[in-house]
Amino acid sequence: MDVLSEIRLLHAQQPVIMITAYGSVENAVRAMQFGATQLHPEAVGQRETAGHLRAAVARLKAEEENIQLKARAQAALQLEHIVGKSEPMLKIFVWSPR
């Protein structure tokens, strides 16, 4: 749990999959409270572990892409570079979707 806390401090968005020999419900709850993505008993096979890792990386990439797309969409809504002085254009400049 100490290592998990350090990971969270240094890399808050990093997915963490814990593998433990102490797979109690209490430890699982504590791990999730400390920010673990998943907790598995040490008996989990290599294929299953690799699958969980691929899923965690895919989820992280999707979250990062979502953030980038939102930023691009927000930038596209900026009206700073639009030139126009007609009444309809002035109404657009005053209108705000927020």
PDB file of N, CA and C in Angstrom:
ATOM      1  N   MET A   1       0.823  -1.193   0.000  1.00  0.00           N
ATOM      2  CA  MET A   1       0.000   0.000   0.000  1.00  0.00           C
ATOM      3  C   MET A   1       0.864   1.252   0.000  1.00  0.00           C
ATOM      4  N   ASP A   2       2.038   1.167   0.636  1.00  0.00           N
ATOM      5  CA  ASP A   2       2.940   2.323   0.645  1.00  0.00           C
ATOM      6  C   ASP A   2       3.419   2.653  -0.764  1.00  0.00           C
ATOM      7  N   VAL A   3       3.776   1.623  -1.529  1.00  0.00           N
ATOM      8  CA  VAL A   3       4.230   1.831  -2.900  1.00  0.00           C
ATOM      9  C   VAL A   3       3.093   2.406  -3.745  1.00  0.00           C
ATOM     10  N   LEU A   4       1.902   1.894  -3.552  1.00  0.00           N
ATOM     11  CA  LEU A   4       0.743   2.402  -4.285  1.00  0.00           C
ATOM     12  C   LEU A   4       0.524   3.880  -3.969  1.00  0.00           C
ATOM     13  N   SER A   5       0.648   4.258  -2.733  1.00  0.00           N
ATOM     14  CA  SER A   5       0.495   5.674  -2.349  1.00  0.00           C
ATOM     15  C   SER A   5       1.543   6.542  -3.034  1.00  0.00           C
ATOM     16  N   GLU A   6       2.774   6.068  -3.106  1.00  0.00           N
ATOM     17  CA  GLU A   6       3.836   6.817  -3.777  1.00  0.00           C
ATOM     18  C   GLU A   6       3.563   6.953  -5.274  1.00  0.00           C
ATOM     19  N   ILE A   7       3.095   5.873  -5.893  1.00  0.00           N
ATOM     20  CA  ILE A   7       2.763   5.927  -7.319  1.00  0.00           C
ATOM     21  C   ILE A   7       1.686   6.972  -7.552  1.00  0.00           C
ATOM     22  N   ARG A   8       0.672   6.994  -6.713  1.00  0.00           N
ATOM     23  CA  ARG A   8      -0.421   7.956  -6.856  1.00  0.00           C
ATOM     24  C   ARG A   8       0.074   9.389  -6.707  1.00  0.00           C
ATOM     25  N   LEU A   9       1.039   9.610  -5.795  1.00  0.00           N
ATOM     26  CA  LEU A   9       1.582  10.957  -5.610  1.00  0.00           C
ATOM     27  C   LEU A   9       2.372  11.408  -6.837  1.00  0.00           C
ATOM     28  N   LEU A  10       3.144  10.500  -7.420  1.00  0.00           N
ATOM     29  CA  LEU A  10       4.015  10.847  -8.541  1.00  0.00           C
ATOM     30  C   LEU A  10       3.305  10.811  -9.891  1.00  0.00           C
ATOM     31  N   HIS A  11       2.381   9.871 -10.057  1.00  0.00           N
ATOM     32  CA  HIS A  11       1.709   9.655 -11.344  1.00  0.00           C
ATOM     33  C   HIS A  11       0.227   9.370 -11.088  1.00  0.00           C
ATOM     34  N   ALA A  12      -0.517  10.399 -10.831  1.00  0.00           N
ATOM     35  CA  ALA A  12      -1.911  10.249 -10.397  1.00  0.00           C
ATOM     36  C   ALA A  12      -2.786   9.492 -11.392  1.00  0.00           C
ATOM     37  N   GLN A  13      -2.533   9.634 -12.691  1.00  0.00           N
ATOM     38  CA  GLN A  13      -3.389   8.998 -13.688  1.00  0.00           C
ATOM     39  C   GLN A  13      -2.916   7.605 -14.102  1.00  0.00           C
ATOM     40  N   GLN A  14      -1.762   7.193 -13.622  1.00  0.00           N
ATOM     41  CA  GLN A  14      -1.191   5.911 -14.019  1.00  0.00           C
ATOM     42  C   GLN A  14      -2.039   4.752 -13.494  1.00  0.00           C
ATOM     43  N   PRO A  15      -2.488   3.852 -14.373  1.00  0.00           N
ATOM     44  CA  PRO A  15      -3.235   2.692 -13.885  1.00  0.00           C
ATOM     45  C   PRO A  15      -2.310   1.759 -13.112  1.00  0.00           C
ATOM     46  N   VAL A  16      -2.810   1.213 -12.019  1.00  0.00           N
ATOM     47  CA  VAL A  16      -2.016   0.309 -11.187  1.00  0.00           C
ATOM     48  C   VAL A  16      -2.808  -0.974 -10.968  1.00  0.00           C
ATOM     49  N   ILE A  17      -2.211  -2.074 -11.399  1.00  0.00           N
ATOM     50  CA  ILE A  17      -2.800  -3.388 -11.175  1.00  0.00           C
ATOM     51  C   ILE A  17      -1.947  -4.086 -10.131  1.00  0.00           C
ATOM     52  N   MET A  18      -2.536  -4.402  -9.012  1.00  0.00           N
ATOM     53  CA  MET A  18      -1.793  -5.038  -7.929  1.00  0.00           C
ATOM     54  C   MET A  18      -2.020  -6.545  -7.956  1.00  0.00           C
ATOM     55  N   ILE A  19      -0.930  -7.278  -7.743  1.00  0.00           N
ATOM     56  CA  ILE A  19      -0.991  -8.726  -7.624  1.00  0.00           C
ATOM     57  C   ILE A  19      -0.457  -9.051  -6.228  1.00  0.00           C
ATOM     58  N   THR A  20      -1.238  -9.771  -5.464  1.00  0.00           N
ATOM     59  CA  THR A  20      -0.883  -9.989  -4.067  1.00  0.00           C
ATOM     60  C   THR A  20      -1.152 -11.421  -3.617  1.00  0.00           C
ATOM     61  N   ALA A  21      -0.384 -11.846  -2.646  1.00  0.00           N
ATOM     62  CA  ALA A  21      -0.623 -13.142  -2.012  1.00  0.00           C
ATOM     63  C   ALA A  21      -1.636 -12.993  -0.884  1.00  0.00           C
ATOM     64  N   TYR A  22      -1.990 -11.754  -0.565  1.00  0.00           N
ATOM     65  CA  TYR A  22      -2.918 -11.479   0.539  1.00  0.00           C
ATOM     66  C   TYR A  22      -4.214 -10.930  -0.027  1.00  0.00           C
ATOM     67  N   GLY A  23      -4.951 -11.765  -0.732  1.00  0.00           N
ATOM     68  CA  GLY A  23      -6.134 -11.334  -1.463  1.00  0.00           C
ATOM     69  C   GLY A  23      -7.422 -11.298  -0.666  1.00  0.00           C
ATOM     70  N   SER A  24      -7.410 -10.688   0.487  1.00  0.00           N
ATOM     71  CA  SER A  24      -8.629 -10.589   1.285  1.00  0.00           C
ATOM     72  C   SER A  24      -9.501  -9.451   0.761  1.00  0.00           C
ATOM     73  N   VAL A  25     -10.766  -9.484   1.138  1.00  0.00           N
ATOM     74  CA  VAL A  25     -11.693  -8.415   0.756  1.00  0.00           C
ATOM     75  C   VAL A  25     -11.217  -7.094   1.348  1.00  0.00           C
ATOM     76  N   GLU A  26     -10.744  -7.142   2.579  1.00  0.00           N
ATOM     77  CA  GLU A  26     -10.256  -5.928   3.237  1.00  0.00           C
ATOM     78  C   GLU A  26      -9.091  -5.311   2.453  1.00  0.00           C
ATOM     79  N   ASN A  27      -8.152  -6.146   2.006  1.00  0.00           N
ATOM     80  CA  ASN A  27      -7.022  -5.631   1.226  1.00  0.00           C
ATOM     81  C   ASN A  27      -7.476  -5.096  -0.121  1.00  0.00           C
ATOM     82  N   ALA A  28      -8.445  -5.747  -0.726  1.00  0.00           N
ATOM     83  CA  ALA A  28      -8.968  -5.283  -2.009  1.00  0.00           C
ATOM     84  C   ALA A  28      -9.607  -3.905  -1.848  1.00  0.00           C
ATOM     85  N   VAL A  29     -10.392  -3.732  -0.806  1.00  0.00           N
ATOM     86  CA  VAL A  29     -11.038  -2.446  -0.549  1.00  0.00           C
ATOM     87  C   VAL A  29      -9.988  -1.371  -0.291  1.00  0.00           C
ATOM     88  N   ARG A  30      -8.989  -1.691   0.530  1.00  0.00           N
ATOM     89  CA  ARG A  30      -7.923  -0.721   0.816  1.00  0.00           C
ATOM     90  C   ARG A  30      -7.169  -0.342  -0.455  1.00  0.00           C
ATOM     91  N   ALA A  31      -6.873  -1.329  -1.288  1.00  0.00           N
ATOM     92  CA  ALA A  31      -6.139  -1.064  -2.534  1.00  0.00           C
ATOM     93  C   ALA A  31      -6.943  -0.133  -3.433  1.00  0.00           C
ATOM     94  N   MET A  32      -8.236  -0.362  -3.545  1.00  0.00           N
ATOM     95  CA  MET A  32      -9.079   0.498  -4.372  1.00  0.00           C
ATOM     96  C   MET A  32      -9.179   1.899  -3.771  1.00  0.00           C
ATOM     97  N   GLN A  33      -9.243   1.985  -2.443  1.00  0.00           N
ATOM     98  CA  GLN A  33      -9.292   3.294  -1.797  1.00  0.00           C
ATOM     99  C   GLN A  33      -7.998   4.076  -2.031  1.00  0.00           C
ATOM    100  N   PHE A  34      -6.883   3.356  -2.108  1.00  0.00           N
ATOM    101  CA  PHE A  34      -5.591   3.988  -2.354  1.00  0.00           C
ATOM    102  C   PHE A  34      -5.375   4.264  -3.840  1.00  0.00           C
ATOM    103  N   GLY A  35      -6.297   3.801  -4.703  1.00  0.00           N
ATOM    104  CA  GLY A  35      -6.226   4.142  -6.109  1.00  0.00           C
ATOM    105  C   GLY A  35      -5.802   3.041  -7.061  1.00  0.00           C
ATOM    106  N   ALA A  36      -5.771   1.791  -6.605  1.00  0.00           N
ATOM    107  CA  ALA A  36      -5.429   0.696  -7.513  1.00  0.00           C
ATOM    108  C   ALA A  36      -6.535   0.538  -8.550  1.00  0.00           C
ATOM    109  N   THR A  37      -6.136   0.233  -9.771  1.00  0.00           N
ATOM    110  CA  THR A  37      -7.107  -0.008 -10.835  1.00  0.00           C
ATOM    111  C   THR A  37      -7.770  -1.359 -10.622  1.00  0.00           C
ATOM    112  N   GLN A  38      -6.941  -2.357 -10.285  1.00  0.00           N
ATOM    113  CA  GLN A  38      -7.426  -3.719 -10.039  1.00  0.00           C
ATOM    114  C   GLN A  38      -6.522  -4.389  -9.016  1.00  0.00           C
ATOM    115  N   LEU A  39      -7.049  -5.412  -8.370  1.00  0.00           N
ATOM    116  CA  LEU A  39      -6.272  -6.216  -7.426  1.00  0.00           C
ATOM    117  C   LEU A  39      -6.553  -7.678  -7.728  1.00  0.00           C
ATOM    118  N   HIS A  40      -5.484  -8.462  -7.911  1.00  0.00           N
ATOM    119  CA  HIS A  40      -5.634  -9.880  -8.254  1.00  0.00           C
ATOM    120  C   HIS A  40      -4.790 -10.731  -7.326  1.00  0.00           C
ATOM    121  N   PRO A  41      -5.237 -11.944  -7.069  1.00  0.00           N
ATOM    122  CA  PRO A  41      -4.393 -12.868  -6.306  1.00  0.00           C
ATOM    123  C   PRO A  41      -3.187 -13.265  -7.151  1.00  0.00           C
ATOM    124  N   GLU A  42      -2.096 -13.680  -6.496  1.00  0.00           N
ATOM    125  CA  GLU A  42      -0.881 -14.003  -7.237  1.00  0.00           C
ATOM    126  C   GLU A  42      -1.039 -15.201  -8.161  1.00  0.00           C
ATOM    127  N   ALA A  43      -2.091 -15.953  -8.009  1.00  0.00           N
ATOM    128  CA  ALA A  43      -2.311 -17.135  -8.829  1.00  0.00           C
ATOM    129  C   ALA A  43      -2.817 -16.800 -10.239  1.00  0.00           C
ATOM    130  N   VAL A  44      -3.018 -15.533 -10.543  1.00  0.00           N
ATOM    131  CA  VAL A  44      -3.490 -15.126 -11.860  1.00  0.00           C
ATOM    132  C   VAL A  44      -2.424 -15.502 -12.887  1.00  0.00           C
ATOM    133  N   GLY A  45      -2.855 -16.075 -13.992  1.00  0.00           N
ATOM    134  CA  GLY A  45      -1.925 -16.505 -15.030  1.00  0.00           C
ATOM    135  C   GLY A  45      -1.373 -15.354 -15.847  1.00  0.00           C
ATOM    136  N   GLN A  46      -0.316 -15.653 -16.609  1.00  0.00           N
ATOM    137  CA  GLN A  46       0.329 -14.628 -17.427  1.00  0.00           C
ATOM    138  C   GLN A  46      -0.612 -14.065 -18.487  1.00  0.00           C
ATOM    139  N   ARG A  47      -1.393 -14.921 -19.117  1.00  0.00           N
ATOM    140  CA  ARG A  47      -2.322 -14.435 -20.150  1.00  0.00           C
ATOM    141  C   ARG A  47      -3.350 -13.477 -19.568  1.00  0.00           C
ATOM    142  N   GLU A  48      -3.905 -13.844 -18.428  1.00  0.00           N
ATOM    143  CA  GLU A  48      -4.908 -12.982 -17.790  1.00  0.00           C
ATOM    144  C   GLU A  48      -4.280 -11.656 -17.360  1.00  0.00           C
ATOM    145  N   THR A  49      -3.079 -11.732 -16.806  1.00  0.00           N
ATOM    146  CA  THR A  49      -2.380 -10.510 -16.395  1.00  0.00           C
ATOM    147  C   THR A  49      -2.102  -9.621 -17.609  1.00  0.00           C
ATOM    148  N   ALA A  50      -1.628 -10.223 -18.691  1.00  0.00           N
ATOM    149  CA  ALA A  50      -1.370  -9.456 -19.912  1.00  0.00           C
ATOM    150  C   ALA A  50      -2.651  -8.813 -20.437  1.00  0.00           C
ATOM    151  N   GLY A  51      -3.754  -9.531 -20.359  1.00  0.00           N
ATOM    152  CA  GLY A  51      -5.040  -8.972 -20.782  1.00  0.00           C
ATOM    153  C   GLY A  51      -5.443  -7.777 -19.946  1.00  0.00           C
ATOM    154  N   HIS A  52      -5.244  -7.877 -18.630  1.00  0.00           N
ATOM    155  CA  HIS A  52      -5.567  -6.746 -17.742  1.00  0.00           C
ATOM    156  C   HIS A  52      -4.668  -5.551 -18.043  1.00  0.00           C
ATOM    157  N   LEU A  53      -3.399  -5.817 -18.322  1.00  0.00           N
ATOM    158  CA  LEU A  53      -2.479  -4.728 -18.641  1.00  0.00           C
ATOM    159  C   LEU A  53      -2.875  -4.039 -19.949  1.00  0.00           C
ATOM    160  N   ARG A  54      -3.214  -4.840 -20.958  1.00  0.00           N
ATOM    161  CA  ARG A  54      -3.642  -4.251 -22.234  1.00  0.00           C
ATOM    162  C   ARG A  54      -4.898  -3.407 -22.046  1.00  0.00           C
ATOM    163  N   ALA A  55      -5.836  -3.905 -21.257  1.00  0.00           N
ATOM    164  CA  ALA A  55      -7.076  -3.159 -21.019  1.00  0.00           C
ATOM    165  C   ALA A  55      -6.801  -1.851 -20.279  1.00  0.00           C
ATOM    166  N   ALA A  56      -5.896  -1.884 -19.299  1.00  0.00           N
ATOM    167  CA  ALA A  56      -5.567  -0.676 -18.541  1.00  0.00           C
ATOM    168  C   ALA A  56      -4.893   0.355 -19.438  1.00  0.00           C
ATOM    169  N   VAL A  57      -3.971  -0.089 -20.294  1.00  0.00           N
ATOM    170  CA  VAL A  57      -3.292   0.828 -21.210  1.00  0.00           C
ATOM    171  C   VAL A  57      -4.289   1.406 -22.215  1.00  0.00           C
ATOM    172  N   ALA A  58      -5.176   0.581 -22.733  1.00  0.00           N
ATOM    173  CA  ALA A  58      -6.187   1.056 -23.682  1.00  0.00           C
ATOM    174  C   ALA A  58      -7.102   2.087 -23.029  1.00  0.00           C
ATOM    175  N   ARG A  59      -7.489   1.844 -21.786  1.00  0.00           N
ATOM    176  CA  ARG A  59      -8.350   2.782 -21.059  1.00  0.00           C
ATOM    177  C   ARG A  59      -7.625   4.116 -20.851  1.00  0.00           C
ATOM    178  N   LEU A  60      -6.339   4.054 -20.489  1.00  0.00           N
ATOM    179  CA  LEU A  60      -5.562   5.268 -20.284  1.00  0.00           C
ATOM    180  C   LEU A  60      -5.418   6.048 -21.589  1.00  0.00           C
ATOM    181  N   LYS A  61      -5.144   5.356 -22.693  1.00  0.00           N
ATOM    182  CA  LYS A  61      -5.041   6.021 -23.998  1.00  0.00           C
ATOM    183  C   LYS A  61      -6.359   6.668 -24.388  1.00  0.00           C
ATOM    184  N   ALA A  62      -7.469   5.980 -24.136  1.00  0.00           N
ATOM    185  CA  ALA A  62      -8.787   6.537 -24.469  1.00  0.00           C
ATOM    186  C   ALA A  62      -9.063   7.786 -23.640  1.00  0.00           C
ATOM    187  N   GLU A  63      -8.693   7.769 -22.367  1.00  0.00           N
ATOM    188  CA  GLU A  63      -8.892   8.940 -21.512  1.00  0.00           C
ATOM    189  C   GLU A  63      -8.050  10.116 -21.998  1.00  0.00           C
ATOM    190  N   GLU A  64      -6.792   9.844 -22.377  1.00  0.00           N
ATOM    191  CA  GLU A  64      -5.927  10.902 -22.881  1.00  0.00           C
ATOM    192  C   GLU A  64      -6.457  11.467 -24.198  1.00  0.00           C
ATOM    193  N   GLU A  65      -6.931  10.593 -25.074  1.00  0.00           N
ATOM    194  CA  GLU A  65      -7.495  11.042 -26.343  1.00  0.00           C
ATOM    195  C   GLU A  65      -8.740  11.890 -26.110  1.00  0.00           C
ATOM    196  N   ASN A  66      -9.551  11.493 -25.154  1.00  0.00           N
ATOM    197  CA  ASN A  66     -10.758  12.250 -24.815  1.00  0.00           C
ATOM    198  C   ASN A  66     -10.387  13.660 -24.352  1.00  0.00           C
ATOM    199  N   ILE A  67      -9.368  13.768 -23.521  1.00  0.00           N
ATOM    200  CA  ILE A  67      -8.922  15.078 -23.036  1.00  0.00           C
ATOM    201  C   ILE A  67      -8.441  15.939 -24.202  1.00  0.00           C
ATOM    202  N   GLN A  68      -7.661  15.331 -25.116  1.00  0.00           N
ATOM    203  CA  GLN A  68      -7.160  16.072 -26.269  1.00  0.00           C
ATOM    204  C   GLN A  68      -8.291  16.521 -27.181  1.00  0.00           C
ATOM    205  N   LEU A  69      -9.257  15.640 -27.419  1.00  0.00           N
ATOM    206  CA  LEU A  69     -10.386  15.992 -28.282  1.00  0.00           C
ATOM    207  C   LEU A  69     -11.230  17.108 -27.670  1.00  0.00           C
ATOM    208  N   LYS A  70     -11.433  17.054 -26.366  1.00  0.00           N
ATOM    209  CA  LYS A  70     -12.175  18.123 -25.696  1.00  0.00           C
ATOM    210  C   LYS A  70     -11.444  19.452 -25.825  1.00  0.00           C
ATOM    211  N   ALA A  71     -10.115  19.424 -25.681  1.00  0.00           N
ATOM    212  CA  ALA A  71      -9.334  20.656 -25.801  1.00  0.00           C
ATOM    213  C   ALA A  71      -9.428  21.211 -27.217  1.00  0.00           C
ATOM    214  N   ARG A  72      -9.344  20.327 -28.215  1.00  0.00           N
ATOM    215  CA  ARG A  72      -9.459  20.781 -29.608  1.00  0.00           C
ATOM    216  C   ARG A  72     -10.841  21.348 -29.893  1.00  0.00           C
ATOM    217  N   ALA A  73     -11.871  20.692 -29.364  1.00  0.00           N
ATOM    218  CA  ALA A  73     -13.237  21.181 -29.583  1.00  0.00           C
ATOM    219  C   ALA A  73     -13.421  22.540 -28.923  1.00  0.00           C
ATOM    220  N   GLN A  74     -12.881  22.702 -27.737  1.00  0.00           N
ATOM    221  CA  GLN A  74     -12.981  23.980 -27.033  1.00  0.00           C
ATOM    222  C   GLN A  74     -12.256  25.073 -27.818  1.00  0.00           C
ATOM    223  N   ALA A  75     -11.077  24.740 -28.336  1.00  0.00           N
ATOM    224  CA  ALA A  75     -10.314  25.719 -29.121  1.00  0.00           C
ATOM    225  C   ALA A  75     -11.067  26.093 -30.395  1.00  0.00           C
ATOM    226  N   ALA A  76     -11.746  25.132 -30.985  1.00  0.00           N
ATOM    227  CA  ALA A  76     -12.494  25.399 -32.216  1.00  0.00           C
ATOM    228  C   ALA A  76     -13.672  26.339 -31.960  1.00  0.00           C
ATOM    229  N   LEU A  77     -14.167  26.364 -30.738  1.00  0.00           N
ATOM    230  CA  LEU A  77     -15.301  27.230 -30.407  1.00  0.00           C
ATOM    231  C   LEU A  77     -14.894  28.669 -30.118  1.00  0.00           C
ATOM    232  N   GLN A  78     -13.591  28.921 -30.020  1.00  0.00           N
ATOM    233  CA  GLN A  78     -13.130  30.279 -29.751  1.00  0.00           C
ATOM    234  C   GLN A  78     -13.424  31.163 -30.960  1.00  0.00           C
ATOM    235  N   LEU A  79     -13.911  32.350 -30.712  1.00  0.00           N
ATOM    236  CA  LEU A  79     -14.318  33.252 -31.784  1.00  0.00           C
ATOM    237  C   LEU A  79     -13.319  34.389 -32.006  1.00  0.00           C
ATOM    238  N   GLU A  80     -12.143  34.302 -31.398  1.00  0.00           N
ATOM    239  CA  GLU A  80     -11.184  35.404 -31.449  1.00  0.00           C
ATOM    240  C   GLU A  80     -10.742  35.753 -32.865  1.00  0.00           C
ATOM    241  N   HIS A  81     -10.636  34.769 -33.742  1.00  0.00           N
ATOM    242  CA  HIS A  81     -10.063  34.989 -35.055  1.00  0.00           C
ATOM    243  C   HIS A  81     -11.125  35.187 -36.142  1.00  0.00           C
ATOM    244  N   ILE A  82     -12.362  35.273 -35.751  1.00  0.00           N
ATOM    245  CA  ILE A  82     -13.430  35.486 -36.724  1.00  0.00           C
ATOM    246  C   ILE A  82     -13.603  36.982 -36.937  1.00  0.00           C
ATOM    247  N   VAL A  83     -13.666  37.372 -38.183  1.00  0.00           N
ATOM    248  CA  VAL A  83     -13.818  38.783 -38.519  1.00  0.00           C
ATOM    249  C   VAL A  83     -15.247  38.995 -39.012  1.00  0.00           C
ATOM    250  N   GLY A  84     -15.908  39.991 -38.483  1.00  0.00           N
ATOM    251  CA  GLY A  84     -17.254  40.282 -38.939  1.00  0.00           C
ATOM    252  C   GLY A  84     -17.843  41.425 -38.141  1.00  0.00           C
ATOM    253  N   LYS A  85     -18.538  42.313 -38.823  1.00  0.00           N
ATOM    254  CA  LYS A  85     -19.113  43.464 -38.146  1.00  0.00           C
ATOM    255  C   LYS A  85     -20.606  43.581 -38.386  1.00  0.00           C
ATOM    256  N   SER A  86     -21.169  42.666 -39.143  1.00  0.00           N
ATOM    257  CA  SER A  86     -22.606  42.750 -39.413  1.00  0.00           C
ATOM    258  C   SER A  86     -23.372  42.409 -38.146  1.00  0.00           C
ATOM    259  N   GLU A  87     -24.631  42.791 -38.096  1.00  0.00           N
ATOM    260  CA  GLU A  87     -25.466  42.538 -36.925  1.00  0.00           C
ATOM    261  C   GLU A  87     -25.570  41.048 -36.591  1.00  0.00           C
ATOM    262  N   PRO A  88     -25.804  40.148 -37.578  1.00  0.00           N
ATOM    263  CA  PRO A  88     -25.858  38.717 -37.245  1.00  0.00           C
ATOM    264  C   PRO A  88     -24.536  38.201 -36.658  1.00  0.00           C
ATOM    265  N   MET A  89     -23.415  38.675 -37.184  1.00  0.00           N
ATOM    266  CA  MET A  89     -22.120  38.234 -36.657  1.00  0.00           C
ATOM    267  C   MET A  89     -21.906  38.755 -35.239  1.00  0.00           C
ATOM    268  N   LEU A  90     -22.300  39.973 -34.970  1.00  0.00           N
ATOM    269  CA  LEU A  90     -22.157  40.522 -33.620  1.00  0.00           C
ATOM    270  C   LEU A  90     -22.997  39.736 -32.620  1.00  0.00           C
ATOM    271  N   LYS A  91     -24.166  39.254 -33.051  1.00  0.00           N
ATOM    272  CA  LYS A  91     -24.992  38.423 -32.173  1.00  0.00           C
ATOM    273  C   LYS A  91     -24.284  37.105 -31.853  1.00  0.00           C
ATOM    274  N   ILE A  92     -23.591  36.565 -32.843  1.00  0.00           N
ATOM    275  CA  ILE A  92     -22.845  35.317 -32.606  1.00  0.00           C
ATOM    276  C   ILE A  92     -21.735  35.554 -31.593  1.00  0.00           C
ATOM    277  N   PHE A  93     -21.030  36.679 -31.708  1.00  0.00           N
ATOM    278  CA  PHE A  93     -19.936  36.968 -30.797  1.00  0.00           C
ATOM    279  C   PHE A  93     -20.415  37.117 -29.359  1.00  0.00           C
ATOM    280  N   VAL A  94     -21.611  37.675 -29.187  1.00  0.00           N
ATOM    281  CA  VAL A  94     -22.155  37.895 -27.847  1.00  0.00           C
ATOM    282  C   VAL A  94     -22.712  36.610 -27.256  1.00  0.00           C
ATOM    283  N   TRP A  95     -23.273  35.758 -28.107  1.00  0.00           N
ATOM    284  CA  TRP A  95     -23.864  34.513 -27.633  1.00  0.00           C
ATOM    285  C   TRP A  95     -22.793  33.585 -27.093  1.00  0.00           C
ATOM    286  N   SER A  96     -23.091  32.916 -25.994  1.00  0.00           N
ATOM    287  CA  SER A  96     -22.124  31.993 -25.392  1.00  0.00           C
ATOM    288  C   SER A  96     -22.840  30.692 -25.053  1.00  0.00           C
ATOM    289  N   PRO A  97     -22.291  29.536 -25.465  1.00  0.00           N
ATOM    290  CA  PRO A  97     -22.937  28.263 -25.159  1.00  0.00           C
ATOM    291  C   PRO A  97     -22.794  27.857 -23.697  1.00  0.00           C
ATOM    292  N   ARG A  98     -22.042  28.574 -22.916  1.00  0.00           N
ATOM    293  CA  ARG A  98     -21.787  28.205 -21.512  1.00  0.00           C
ATOM    294  C   ARG A  98     -22.860  28.634 -20.600  1.00  0.00           C
TER     295      ARG A  98
END
